[in-house]
Amino acid sequence: MDIHKLNKAFENRVRLGIMSALIAGDAMDFNRLKELLAVTDGNLASHLKALEKEAFIQVNKTFIGRKPNTKYAATADGKKAFKAHIDALEALIKGQK
């Protein structure tokens, strides 16, 4: 079994959850992700920043009236890397190389 195909960026449950949510749907705002994953602001922000640094997610900051709104979406590279990670997990579970 080749566990080296697993992507370290997705080893954390919060990052796994973020990517799963963004790939399953369209862009999501910070508060929706926070509610969905049941994490603190700081915890979510640090994991989003790590995924953004890897260019796996893109950030779109806008204002709704005077209130800031930040939305996140998976990038093409992020979708590709996440799929490869999930494929590697499935192969690991099935005992394949």
PDB file of N, CA and C in Angstrom:
ATOM      1  N   MET A   1       0.841  -1.190   0.000  1.00  0.00           N
ATOM      2  CA  MET A   1       0.000   0.000   0.000  1.00  0.00           C
ATOM      3  C   MET A   1       0.878   1.243   0.000  1.00  0.00           C
ATOM      4  N   ASP A   2       0.516   2.183  -0.823  1.00  0.00           N
ATOM      5  CA  ASP A   2       1.296   3.402  -0.945  1.00  0.00           C
ATOM      6  C   ASP A   2       0.559   4.567  -0.288  1.00  0.00           C
ATOM      7  N   ILE A   3       0.860   4.807   0.990  1.00  0.00           N
ATOM      8  CA  ILE A   3       0.197   5.905   1.700  1.00  0.00           C
ATOM      9  C   ILE A   3       0.790   7.261   1.329  1.00  0.00           C
ATOM     10  N   HIS A   4       1.838   7.266   0.531  1.00  0.00           N
ATOM     11  CA  HIS A   4       2.475   8.518   0.133  1.00  0.00           C
ATOM     12  C   HIS A   4       1.635   9.300  -0.873  1.00  0.00           C
ATOM     13  N   LYS A   5       0.594   8.687  -1.388  1.00  0.00           N
ATOM     14  CA  LYS A   5      -0.307   9.383  -2.314  1.00  0.00           C
ATOM     15  C   LYS A   5      -1.330  10.229  -1.566  1.00  0.00           C
ATOM     16  N   LEU A   6      -1.420  10.062  -0.245  1.00  0.00           N
ATOM     17  CA  LEU A   6      -2.315  10.885   0.553  1.00  0.00           C
ATOM     18  C   LEU A   6      -1.730  12.286   0.648  1.00  0.00           C
ATOM     19  N   ASN A   7      -2.582  13.300   0.590  1.00  0.00           N
ATOM     20  CA  ASN A   7      -2.142  14.682   0.625  1.00  0.00           C
ATOM     21  C   ASN A   7      -2.218  15.197   2.060  1.00  0.00           C
ATOM     22  N   LYS A   8      -1.090  15.632   2.598  1.00  0.00           N
ATOM     23  CA  LYS A   8      -1.034  16.111   3.980  1.00  0.00           C
ATOM     24  C   LYS A   8      -1.976  17.296   4.226  1.00  0.00           C
ATOM     25  N   ALA A   9      -2.264  18.052   3.184  1.00  0.00           N
ATOM     26  CA  ALA A   9      -3.152  19.214   3.331  1.00  0.00           C
ATOM     27  C   ALA A   9      -4.558  18.807   3.761  1.00  0.00           C
ATOM     28  N   PHE A  10      -4.931  17.556   3.516  1.00  0.00           N
ATOM     29  CA  PHE A  10      -6.283  17.098   3.833  1.00  0.00           C
ATOM     30  C   PHE A  10      -6.333  16.130   5.012  1.00  0.00           C
ATOM     31  N   GLU A  11      -5.235  15.988   5.741  1.00  0.00           N
ATOM     32  CA  GLU A  11      -5.210  15.047   6.861  1.00  0.00           C
ATOM     33  C   GLU A  11      -6.047  15.506   8.048  1.00  0.00           C
ATOM     34  N   ASN A  12      -6.221  16.794   8.200  1.00  0.00           N
ATOM     35  CA  ASN A  12      -6.992  17.324   9.315  1.00  0.00           C
ATOM     36  C   ASN A  12      -8.485  17.237   9.010  1.00  0.00           C
ATOM     37  N   ARG A  13      -9.283  16.883  10.003  1.00  0.00           N
ATOM     38  CA  ARG A  13     -10.722  16.707   9.785  1.00  0.00           C
ATOM     39  C   ARG A  13     -11.410  17.999   9.352  1.00  0.00           C
ATOM     40  N   VAL A  14     -10.937  19.151   9.839  1.00  0.00           N
ATOM     41  CA  VAL A  14     -11.560  20.420   9.455  1.00  0.00           C
ATOM     42  C   VAL A  14     -11.279  20.714   7.983  1.00  0.00           C
ATOM     43  N   ARG A  15     -10.046  20.517   7.538  1.00  0.00           N
ATOM     44  CA  ARG A  15      -9.711  20.750   6.130  1.00  0.00           C
ATOM     45  C   ARG A  15     -10.440  19.763   5.229  1.00  0.00           C
ATOM     46  N   LEU A  16     -10.556  18.540   5.685  1.00  0.00           N
ATOM     47  CA  LEU A  16     -11.308  17.528   4.941  1.00  0.00           C
ATOM     48  C   LEU A  16     -12.769  17.970   4.812  1.00  0.00           C
ATOM     49  N   GLY A  17     -13.318  18.488   5.888  1.00  0.00           N
ATOM     50  CA  GLY A  17     -14.699  18.978   5.893  1.00  0.00           C
ATOM     51  C   GLY A  17     -14.894  20.189   5.007  1.00  0.00           C
ATOM     52  N   ILE A  18     -13.947  21.116   5.051  1.00  0.00           N
ATOM     53  CA  ILE A  18     -14.024  22.314   4.210  1.00  0.00           C
ATOM     54  C   ILE A  18     -14.057  21.915   2.744  1.00  0.00           C
ATOM     55  N   MET A  19     -13.106  21.079   2.343  1.00  0.00           N
ATOM     56  CA  MET A  19     -13.034  20.682   0.939  1.00  0.00           C
ATOM     57  C   MET A  19     -14.263  19.878   0.525  1.00  0.00           C
ATOM     58  N   SER A  20     -14.730  18.993   1.385  1.00  0.00           N
ATOM     59  CA  SER A  20     -15.934  18.209   1.077  1.00  0.00           C
ATOM     60  C   SER A  20     -17.127  19.133   0.849  1.00  0.00           C
ATOM     61  N   ALA A  21     -17.280  20.114   1.725  1.00  0.00           N
ATOM     62  CA  ALA A  21     -18.403  21.047   1.611  1.00  0.00           C
ATOM     63  C   ALA A  21     -18.301  21.883   0.343  1.00  0.00           C
ATOM     64  N   LEU A  22     -17.101  22.372   0.035  1.00  0.00           N
ATOM     65  CA  LEU A  22     -16.940  23.240  -1.134  1.00  0.00           C
ATOM     66  C   LEU A  22     -17.064  22.479  -2.440  1.00  0.00           C
ATOM     67  N   ILE A  23     -16.670  21.226  -2.450  1.00  0.00           N
ATOM     68  CA  ILE A  23     -16.783  20.427  -3.664  1.00  0.00           C
ATOM     69  C   ILE A  23     -18.222  19.951  -3.866  1.00  0.00           C
ATOM     70  N   ALA A  24     -18.911  19.667  -2.774  1.00  0.00           N
ATOM     71  CA  ALA A  24     -20.297  19.192  -2.854  1.00  0.00           C
ATOM     72  C   ALA A  24     -21.249  20.296  -3.306  1.00  0.00           C
ATOM     73  N   GLY A  25     -20.902  21.530  -3.016  1.00  0.00           N
ATOM     74  CA  GLY A  25     -21.789  22.636  -3.369  1.00  0.00           C
ATOM     75  C   GLY A  25     -21.022  23.770  -4.012  1.00  0.00           C
ATOM     76  N   ASP A  26     -21.682  24.886  -4.118  1.00  0.00           N
ATOM     77  CA  ASP A  26     -21.042  26.075  -4.662  1.00  0.00           C
ATOM     78  C   ASP A  26     -20.228  26.755  -3.566  1.00  0.00           C
ATOM     79  N   ALA A  27     -19.861  27.973  -3.813  1.00  0.00           N
ATOM     80  CA  ALA A  27     -19.111  28.746  -2.821  1.00  0.00           C
ATOM     81  C   ALA A  27     -19.932  28.874  -1.534  1.00  0.00           C
ATOM     82  N   MET A  28     -19.227  28.913  -0.424  1.00  0.00           N
ATOM     83  CA  MET A  28     -19.889  29.080   0.876  1.00  0.00           C
ATOM     84  C   MET A  28     -19.225  30.213   1.629  1.00  0.00           C
ATOM     85  N   ASP A  29     -20.027  30.907   2.414  1.00  0.00           N
ATOM     86  CA  ASP A  29     -19.427  31.976   3.202  1.00  0.00           C
ATOM     87  C   ASP A  29     -18.897  31.428   4.528  1.00  0.00           C
ATOM     88  N   PHE A  30     -18.123  32.267   5.185  1.00  0.00           N
ATOM     89  CA  PHE A  30     -17.435  31.879   6.415  1.00  0.00           C
ATOM     90  C   PHE A  30     -18.407  31.347   7.456  1.00  0.00           C
ATOM     91  N   ASN A  31     -19.490  32.064   7.677  1.00  0.00           N
ATOM     92  CA  ASN A  31     -20.434  31.665   8.728  1.00  0.00           C
ATOM     93  C   ASN A  31     -21.105  30.331   8.432  1.00  0.00           C
ATOM     94  N   ARG A  32     -21.410  30.076   7.168  1.00  0.00           N
ATOM     95  CA  ARG A  32     -22.025  28.791   6.798  1.00  0.00           C
ATOM     96  C   ARG A  32     -21.052  27.642   7.040  1.00  0.00           C
ATOM     97  N   LEU A  33     -19.790  27.828   6.656  1.00  0.00           N
ATOM     98  CA  LEU A  33     -18.778  26.792   6.908  1.00  0.00           C
ATOM     99  C   LEU A  33     -18.598  26.562   8.407  1.00  0.00           C
ATOM    100  N   LYS A  34     -18.563  27.644   9.158  1.00  0.00           N
ATOM    101  CA  LYS A  34     -18.386  27.554  10.612  1.00  0.00           C
ATOM    102  C   LYS A  34     -19.541  26.760  11.245  1.00  0.00           C
ATOM    103  N   GLU A  35     -20.755  27.053  10.803  1.00  0.00           N
ATOM    104  CA  GLU A  35     -21.941  26.362  11.310  1.00  0.00           C
ATOM    105  C   GLU A  35     -21.923  24.883  10.904  1.00  0.00           C
ATOM    106  N   LEU A  36     -21.614  24.632   9.660  1.00  0.00           N
ATOM    107  CA  LEU A  36     -21.605  23.280   9.120  1.00  0.00           C
ATOM    108  C   LEU A  36     -20.579  22.386   9.826  1.00  0.00           C
ATOM    109  N   LEU A  37     -19.391  22.942  10.082  1.00  0.00           N
ATOM    110  CA  LEU A  37     -18.300  22.161  10.663  1.00  0.00           C
ATOM    111  C   LEU A  37     -18.235  22.241  12.183  1.00  0.00           C
ATOM    112  N   ALA A  38     -19.031  23.118  12.777  1.00  0.00           N
ATOM    113  CA  ALA A  38     -19.075  23.297  14.233  1.00  0.00           C
ATOM    114  C   ALA A  38     -17.684  23.548  14.811  1.00  0.00           C
ATOM    115  N   VAL A  39     -17.039  24.598  14.290  1.00  0.00           N
ATOM    116  CA  VAL A  39     -15.708  24.983  14.767  1.00  0.00           C
ATOM    117  C   VAL A  39     -15.717  26.465  15.140  1.00  0.00           C
ATOM    118  N   THR A  40     -14.668  26.894  15.818  1.00  0.00           N
ATOM    119  CA  THR A  40     -14.561  28.293  16.217  1.00  0.00           C
ATOM    120  C   THR A  40     -14.078  29.136  15.036  1.00  0.00           C
ATOM    121  N   ASP A  41     -14.257  30.437  15.153  1.00  0.00           N
ATOM    122  CA  ASP A  41     -13.794  31.362  14.120  1.00  0.00           C
ATOM    123  C   ASP A  41     -12.300  31.178  13.851  1.00  0.00           C
ATOM    124  N   GLY A  42     -11.512  31.171  14.919  1.00  0.00           N
ATOM    125  CA  GLY A  42     -10.059  31.069  14.785  1.00  0.00           C
ATOM    126  C   GLY A  42      -9.619  29.757  14.167  1.00  0.00           C
ATOM    127  N   ASN A  43     -10.249  28.675  14.584  1.00  0.00           N
ATOM    128  CA  ASN A  43      -9.914  27.360  14.047  1.00  0.00           C
ATOM    129  C   ASN A  43     -10.212  27.306  12.552  1.00  0.00           C
ATOM    130  N   LEU A  44     -11.399  27.750  12.167  1.00  0.00           N
ATOM    131  CA  LEU A  44     -11.779  27.742  10.755  1.00  0.00           C
ATOM    132  C   LEU A  44     -10.856  28.645   9.945  1.00  0.00           C
ATOM    133  N   ALA A  45     -10.594  29.840  10.458  1.00  0.00           N
ATOM    134  CA  ALA A  45      -9.747  30.794   9.733  1.00  0.00           C
ATOM    135  C   ALA A  45      -8.361  30.228   9.468  1.00  0.00           C
ATOM    136  N   SER A  46      -7.777  29.551  10.452  1.00  0.00           N
ATOM    137  CA  SER A  46      -6.426  29.009  10.255  1.00  0.00           C
ATOM    138  C   SER A  46      -6.420  27.900   9.205  1.00  0.00           C
ATOM    139  N   HIS A  47      -7.440  27.071   9.176  1.00  0.00           N
ATOM    140  CA  HIS A  47      -7.505  25.995   8.186  1.00  0.00           C
ATOM    141  C   HIS A  47      -7.814  26.536   6.783  1.00  0.00           C
ATOM    142  N   LEU A  48      -8.662  27.557   6.716  1.00  0.00           N
ATOM    143  CA  LEU A  48      -8.932  28.187   5.423  1.00  0.00           C
ATOM    144  C   LEU A  48      -7.655  28.817   4.862  1.00  0.00           C
ATOM    145  N   LYS A  49      -6.903  29.460   5.730  1.00  0.00           N
ATOM    146  CA  LYS A  49      -5.652  30.097   5.303  1.00  0.00           C
ATOM    147  C   LYS A  49      -4.668  29.053   4.777  1.00  0.00           C
ATOM    148  N   ALA A  50      -4.591  27.911   5.440  1.00  0.00           N
ATOM    149  CA  ALA A  50      -3.687  26.839   4.993  1.00  0.00           C
ATOM    150  C   ALA A  50      -4.097  26.321   3.618  1.00  0.00           C
ATOM    151  N   LEU A  51      -5.399  26.153   3.389  1.00  0.00           N
ATOM    152  CA  LEU A  51      -5.880  25.684   2.086  1.00  0.00           C
ATOM    153  C   LEU A  51      -5.703  26.753   1.008  1.00  0.00           C
ATOM    154  N   GLU A  52      -5.859  28.008   1.403  1.00  0.00           N
ATOM    155  CA  GLU A  52      -5.638  29.107   0.454  1.00  0.00           C
ATOM    156  C   GLU A  52      -4.161  29.179   0.061  1.00  0.00           C
ATOM    157  N   LYS A  53      -3.284  28.978   1.016  1.00  0.00           N
ATOM    158  CA  LYS A  53      -1.836  28.997   0.755  1.00  0.00           C
ATOM    159  C   LYS A  53      -1.451  27.922  -0.267  1.00  0.00           C
ATOM    160  N   GLU A  54      -2.131  26.788  -0.227  1.00  0.00           N
ATOM    161  CA  GLU A  54      -1.883  25.693  -1.168  1.00  0.00           C
ATOM    162  C   GLU A  54      -2.576  25.933  -2.518  1.00  0.00           C
ATOM    163  N   ALA A  55      -3.342  27.012  -2.613  1.00  0.00           N
ATOM    164  CA  ALA A  55      -4.137  27.356  -3.800  1.00  0.00           C
ATOM    165  C   ALA A  55      -5.226  26.316  -4.074  1.00  0.00           C
ATOM    166  N   PHE A  56      -5.742  25.688  -3.008  1.00  0.00           N
ATOM    167  CA  PHE A  56      -6.822  24.717  -3.131  1.00  0.00           C
ATOM    168  C   PHE A  56      -8.192  25.382  -3.013  1.00  0.00           C
ATOM    169  N   ILE A  57      -8.217  26.583  -2.434  1.00  0.00           N
ATOM    170  CA  ILE A  57      -9.467  27.339  -2.358  1.00  0.00           C
ATOM    171  C   ILE A  57      -9.192  28.775  -2.797  1.00  0.00           C
ATOM    172  N   GLN A  58     -10.250  29.421  -3.273  1.00  0.00           N
ATOM    173  CA  GLN A  58     -10.140  30.841  -3.592  1.00  0.00           C
ATOM    174  C   GLN A  58     -11.059  31.617  -2.663  1.00  0.00           C
ATOM    175  N   VAL A  59     -10.686  32.850  -2.396  1.00  0.00           N
ATOM    176  CA  VAL A  59     -11.411  33.694  -1.466  1.00  0.00           C
ATOM    177  C   VAL A  59     -11.977  34.885  -2.218  1.00  0.00           C
ATOM    178  N   ASN A  60     -13.245  35.176  -1.975  1.00  0.00           N
ATOM    179  CA  ASN A  60     -13.890  36.320  -2.602  1.00  0.00           C
ATOM    180  C   ASN A  60     -14.516  37.174  -1.506  1.00  0.00           C
ATOM    181  N   LYS A  61     -13.924  38.351  -1.289  1.00  0.00           N
ATOM    182  CA  LYS A  61     -14.416  39.251  -0.238  1.00  0.00           C
ATOM    183  C   LYS A  61     -15.253  40.352  -0.868  1.00  0.00           C
ATOM    184  N   THR A  62     -16.475  40.503  -0.358  1.00  0.00           N
ATOM    185  CA  THR A  62     -17.386  41.536  -0.834  1.00  0.00           C
ATOM    186  C   THR A  62     -18.059  42.190   0.371  1.00  0.00           C
ATOM    187  N   PHE A  63     -18.907  43.156   0.090  1.00  0.00           N
ATOM    188  CA  PHE A  63     -19.710  43.774   1.135  1.00  0.00           C
ATOM    189  C   PHE A  63     -21.175  43.622   0.767  1.00  0.00           C
ATOM    190  N   ILE A  64     -21.975  43.300   1.753  1.00  0.00           N
ATOM    191  CA  ILE A  64     -23.422  43.284   1.591  1.00  0.00           C
ATOM    192  C   ILE A  64     -23.899  44.452   2.443  1.00  0.00           C
ATOM    193  N   GLY A  65     -24.224  45.537   1.752  1.00  0.00           N
ATOM    194  CA  GLY A  65     -24.469  46.781   2.467  1.00  0.00           C
ATOM    195  C   GLY A  65     -23.137  47.250   3.032  1.00  0.00           C
ATOM    196  N   ARG A  66     -23.065  47.387   4.336  1.00  0.00           N
ATOM    197  CA  ARG A  66     -21.815  47.776   4.991  1.00  0.00           C
ATOM    198  C   ARG A  66     -21.140  46.602   5.685  1.00  0.00           C
ATOM    199  N   LYS A  67     -21.742  45.426   5.528  1.00  0.00           N
ATOM    200  CA  LYS A  67     -21.245  44.248   6.225  1.00  0.00           C
ATOM    201  C   LYS A  67     -20.342  43.415   5.310  1.00  0.00           C
ATOM    202  N   PRO A  68     -19.129  43.105   5.781  1.00  0.00           N
ATOM    203  CA  PRO A  68     -18.240  42.288   4.952  1.00  0.00           C
ATOM    204  C   PRO A  68     -18.756  40.856   4.823  1.00  0.00           C
ATOM    205  N   ASN A  69     -18.549  40.275   3.638  1.00  0.00           N
ATOM    206  CA  ASN A  69     -18.952  38.896   3.392  1.00  0.00           C
ATOM    207  C   ASN A  69     -17.823  38.211   2.630  1.00  0.00           C
ATOM    208  N   THR A  70     -17.336  37.125   3.188  1.00  0.00           N
ATOM    209  CA  THR A  70     -16.243  36.381   2.571  1.00  0.00           C
ATOM    210  C   THR A  70     -16.755  35.020   2.141  1.00  0.00           C
ATOM    211  N   LYS A  71     -16.588  34.723   0.855  1.00  0.00           N
ATOM    212  CA  LYS A  71     -17.006  33.420   0.327  1.00  0.00           C
ATOM    213  C   LYS A  71     -15.779  32.644  -0.129  1.00  0.00           C
ATOM    214  N   TYR A  72     -15.884  31.337  -0.006  1.00  0.00           N
ATOM    215  CA  TYR A  72     -14.799  30.437  -0.371  1.00  0.00           C
ATOM    216  C   TYR A  72     -15.308  29.437  -1.397  1.00  0.00           C
ATOM    217  N   ALA A  73     -14.429  29.077  -2.338  1.00  0.00           N
ATOM    218  CA  ALA A  73     -14.763  28.081  -3.352  1.00  0.00           C
ATOM    219  C   ALA A  73     -13.521  27.244  -3.622  1.00  0.00           C
ATOM    220  N   ALA A  74     -13.724  25.997  -3.990  1.00  0.00           N
ATOM    221  CA  ALA A  74     -12.603  25.120  -4.348  1.00  0.00           C
ATOM    222  C   ALA A  74     -12.090  25.531  -5.729  1.00  0.00           C
ATOM    223  N   THR A  75     -10.774  25.569  -5.883  1.00  0.00           N
ATOM    224  CA  THR A  75     -10.174  25.855  -7.188  1.00  0.00           C
ATOM    225  C   THR A  75     -10.103  24.558  -7.995  1.00  0.00           C
ATOM    226  N   ALA A  76      -9.793  24.677  -9.262  1.00  0.00           N
ATOM    227  CA  ALA A  76      -9.627  23.484 -10.107  1.00  0.00           C
ATOM    228  C   ALA A  76      -8.505  22.602  -9.547  1.00  0.00           C
ATOM    229  N   ASP A  77      -7.402  23.235  -9.136  1.00  0.00           N
ATOM    230  CA  ASP A  77      -6.294  22.469  -8.542  1.00  0.00           C
ATOM    231  C   ASP A  77      -6.726  21.807  -7.233  1.00  0.00           C
ATOM    232  N   GLY A  78      -7.536  22.519  -6.461  1.00  0.00           N
ATOM    233  CA  GLY A  78      -8.029  21.973  -5.203  1.00  0.00           C
ATOM    234  C   GLY A  78      -8.923  20.764  -5.425  1.00  0.00           C
ATOM    235  N   LYS A  79      -9.789  20.853  -6.417  1.00  0.00           N
ATOM    236  CA  LYS A  79     -10.682  19.734  -6.739  1.00  0.00           C
ATOM    237  C   LYS A  79      -9.878  18.526  -7.199  1.00  0.00           C
ATOM    238  N   LYS A  80      -8.878  18.773  -8.023  1.00  0.00           N
ATOM    239  CA  LYS A  80      -8.033  17.694  -8.537  1.00  0.00           C
ATOM    240  C   LYS A  80      -7.250  17.026  -7.391  1.00  0.00           C
ATOM    241  N   ALA A  81      -6.651  17.839  -6.531  1.00  0.00           N
ATOM    242  CA  ALA A  81      -5.872  17.306  -5.410  1.00  0.00           C
ATOM    243  C   ALA A  81      -6.762  16.547  -4.433  1.00  0.00           C
ATOM    244  N   PHE A  82      -7.965  17.067  -4.183  1.00  0.00           N
ATOM    245  CA  PHE A  82      -8.878  16.412  -3.251  1.00  0.00           C
ATOM    246  C   PHE A  82      -9.352  15.073  -3.808  1.00  0.00           C
ATOM    247  N   LYS A  83      -9.652  15.041  -5.100  1.00  0.00           N
ATOM    248  CA  LYS A  83     -10.065  13.785  -5.731  1.00  0.00           C
ATOM    249  C   LYS A  83      -8.946  12.753  -5.646  1.00  0.00           C
ATOM    250  N   ALA A  84      -7.716  13.167  -5.896  1.00  0.00           N
ATOM    251  CA  ALA A  84      -6.576  12.253  -5.806  1.00  0.00           C
ATOM    252  C   ALA A  84      -6.425  11.727  -4.381  1.00  0.00           C
ATOM    253  N   HIS A  85      -6.655  12.584  -3.390  1.00  0.00           N
ATOM    254  CA  HIS A  85      -6.572  12.185  -1.978  1.00  0.00           C
ATOM    255  C   HIS A  85      -7.656  11.150  -1.658  1.00  0.00           C
ATOM    256  N   ILE A  86      -8.880  11.412  -2.091  1.00  0.00           N
ATOM    257  CA  ILE A  86      -9.990  10.485  -1.843  1.00  0.00           C
ATOM    258  C   ILE A  86      -9.743   9.161  -2.559  1.00  0.00           C
ATOM    259  N   ASP A  87      -9.249   9.224  -3.792  1.00  0.00           N
ATOM    260  CA  ASP A  87      -8.919   7.999  -4.536  1.00  0.00           C
ATOM    261  C   ASP A  87      -7.862   7.188  -3.802  1.00  0.00           C
ATOM    262  N   ALA A  88      -6.859   7.874  -3.248  1.00  0.00           N
ATOM    263  CA  ALA A  88      -5.793   7.192  -2.499  1.00  0.00           C
ATOM    264  C   ALA A  88      -6.352   6.551  -1.226  1.00  0.00           C
ATOM    265  N   LEU A  89      -7.265   7.247  -0.561  1.00  0.00           N
ATOM    266  CA  LEU A  89      -7.910   6.675   0.632  1.00  0.00           C
ATOM    267  C   LEU A  89      -8.699   5.419   0.277  1.00  0.00           C
ATOM    268  N   GLU A  90      -9.454   5.506  -0.809  1.00  0.00           N
ATOM    269  CA  GLU A  90     -10.244   4.353  -1.238  1.00  0.00           C
ATOM    270  C   GLU A  90      -9.350   3.169  -1.589  1.00  0.00           C
ATOM    271  N   ALA A  91      -8.257   3.429  -2.274  1.00  0.00           N
ATOM    272  CA  ALA A  91      -7.313   2.362  -2.624  1.00  0.00           C
ATOM    273  C   ALA A  91      -6.698   1.756  -1.370  1.00  0.00           C
ATOM    274  N   LEU A  92      -6.400   2.597  -0.399  1.00  0.00           N
ATOM    275  CA  LEU A  92      -5.822   2.141   0.867  1.00  0.00           C
ATOM    276  C   LEU A  92      -6.810   1.224   1.596  1.00  0.00           C
ATOM    277  N   ILE A  93      -8.073   1.637   1.611  1.00  0.00           N
ATOM    278  CA  ILE A  93      -9.116   0.850   2.269  1.00  0.00           C
ATOM    279  C   ILE A  93      -9.289  -0.505   1.580  1.00  0.00           C
ATOM    280  N   LYS A  94      -9.231  -0.483   0.255  1.00  0.00           N
ATOM    281  CA  LYS A  94      -9.409  -1.712  -0.521  1.00  0.00           C
ATOM    282  C   LYS A  94      -8.139  -2.553  -0.587  1.00  0.00           C
ATOM    283  N   GLY A  95      -7.031  -2.001  -0.072  1.00  0.00           N
ATOM    284  CA  GLY A  95      -5.774  -2.744  -0.067  1.00  0.00           C
ATOM    285  C   GLY A  95      -5.084  -2.799  -1.406  1.00  0.00           C
ATOM    286  N   GLN A  96      -5.339  -1.783  -2.235  1.00  0.00           N
ATOM    287  CA  GLN A  96      -4.722  -1.723  -3.551  1.00  0.00           C
ATOM    288  C   GLN A  96      -3.570  -0.746  -3.544  1.00  0.00           C
ATOM    289  N   LYS A  97      -2.769  -0.804  -4.596  1.00  0.00           N
ATOM    290  CA  LYS A  97      -1.670   0.162  -4.760  1.00  0.00           C
ATOM    291  C   LYS A  97      -2.099   1.308  -5.617  1.00  0.00           C
TER     292      LYS A  97
END
